[in-house]
Amino acid sequence: MVRENTSLRRAAYRIGKQLLVAASVVPVVLVSPLLLLGQQSGRATPEEVSSATAIHLTLHSAVEMALAHNRHIELAHLAVTDSEAQKKVAQSHFYPNIKNESAVLHITELEGVRIPQGAIGDTPATGVLPANTLVIGQGGATSYTSGTGLTQPLTQIFKIRAGVKAADADLNTARVQSDDTENGVALLVHQLYYGILIEQLRGNAAKDAVDAATVVEQETKHGVEDGKLLADSELTTRTDLLDKQQTALVSRLNLDDLTLQLDDALGLSLGTHLILDPDSLGEPAVLPTRAEAIALLLNKSPAILSARQTVDKAQAGVAAARDEYIPDITGVARYSYQSGLPFLVHNFGTFGALFTYNLFDGGEREAKLQSARIKLTMAQTQLKQAESDVSIQLSSAYDKAEQLEQLVGVTTQSLEAREESFRIQTERLKVDAQLASAVATARAALTSAHMNVLNSQLNLSLARNSIRRLLGERPE
């Protein structure tokens, strides 16, 4: 079935490409509405447009360009880098903190030590001691201190470990989201690439429909002039022609819009000329069976993996809230130098431990613990919901893929019928047994049938790639 679909798709591509070249209505070189507007307003000449550099793209090269230059992917990569830095910050709290503190202080007035006259004693041998009141200064008016100290968290390590676990969960979430962003952009490029190819054929079909309606209008006009048809018949055919022209215009506008979106997805300047290769779409994606995909889903789905990291982070939050009840014990050691301070040598060292415990906080720690437990329950509930949602999405995606496989068969049969109808109408025209309008109408229907086959085949490919993205795999 896969080989049959592949051969049919390639045949549709070749026929569609030939129709595009023959009709010369929707150029393969895509021109943005900005350039078209510039031509109309005199800001860009046709020579300037034709001389602009065109970029030839295959589907694979378009995906690679988007992965390298898409801004959404760049932001996702930056988020991963930021999470890595945040994890390093959390891990740094495990290590000792060494810092230096230096100060220069000036005291406006010093008290000093006063020894009154005779305070020490009064003996016949020595007389009054001291003979006069003495004032002994304490240090200097200006003091200089410098100390280098080390602090090592001890009991705080429990809280630090919980913080590192939370940072690690954030990092894993950022990585999962980054990979999913890349897969999403790749799928978007597939959608836009396919959409442009389909819209080119749709525009070609619309042109053939306009041509057919034009022939019908001319035949109706002659019929009215010859008295074979009523006057209102000409009005009806004219209305039908205007409707076909409107459809062709809408198709052209859609093509321009898709081109702008693809330029943006590839990180190119809006209005860049693109030449897309319709023969570079590769083989259809090979998918696991529905049962195999459901078994793989729990371990590969980005949504489920992200939800699990949220649970891990919530568990770390509960652990950190519990650790708030543990006293803070910190080991300290310091080597100091001073000049100008009383009763201290110039160089000395101190070491020991600091003990801190919050005796009363008004219920703050208990409230934080309760809040952390609630967040954990919410994260666990969200994980279960994510598993259910993704399972439903996967089942729906497989249903859609199966329906599109049937649609490919239906559109292929319709194409065969349209080809036979066009052949019969052409043969009858050769012997003057058919009007030219009937042949033109059959040609328009045939072109539309080619577009429908391509549309159903590419939509099937997108459905399969959507399943791959649900499984955390990159679309091919």
Foldseek 3Di string as FASTA:
>chain_A
DQVVLVVLLVVLLVVLVVLCVVVVPQDLWAFAVVVVVCCVVVNAPPVRVVPADAAEDELVRLLVLLCVAAVVLVVLVVQLVVLVVQLVVLVVLQDKDKDKDKDKAFAPDWDFDKQAWQNVHADPVPGIVPNHIDGGTFFDRIKIKMKIKIKHWDLCVLLSVLSSLLSVLSSQLSVLVSLLVSQVLSLVSLVLLLVLSLLSLQLSLLVLQLVLLVLVLVVVVVCVVVVNDPPVVNVVSVVSNVVSVVSNVVSSNVNSVSQQVSCNSSNHDRRHTYRYDSVNPDRFDDDDDLVVLLVLLCPFFSLLSSLVSQLSSLVSQLSSLVSLQPKIKMWMKMWMAMHRGGPDDGIDIDTDMDTGGDPDDPCPSVVSNVVSVVSNVVSVVSSVVSSVVLSVVLVVLVVVLVVLVVQLVVLVVVLVVLVVLLVVQVVCVVVPNHRPSSNSVSVSSNSVSSSSNSVSSSVSSSSVSVSCSSRSHRRD
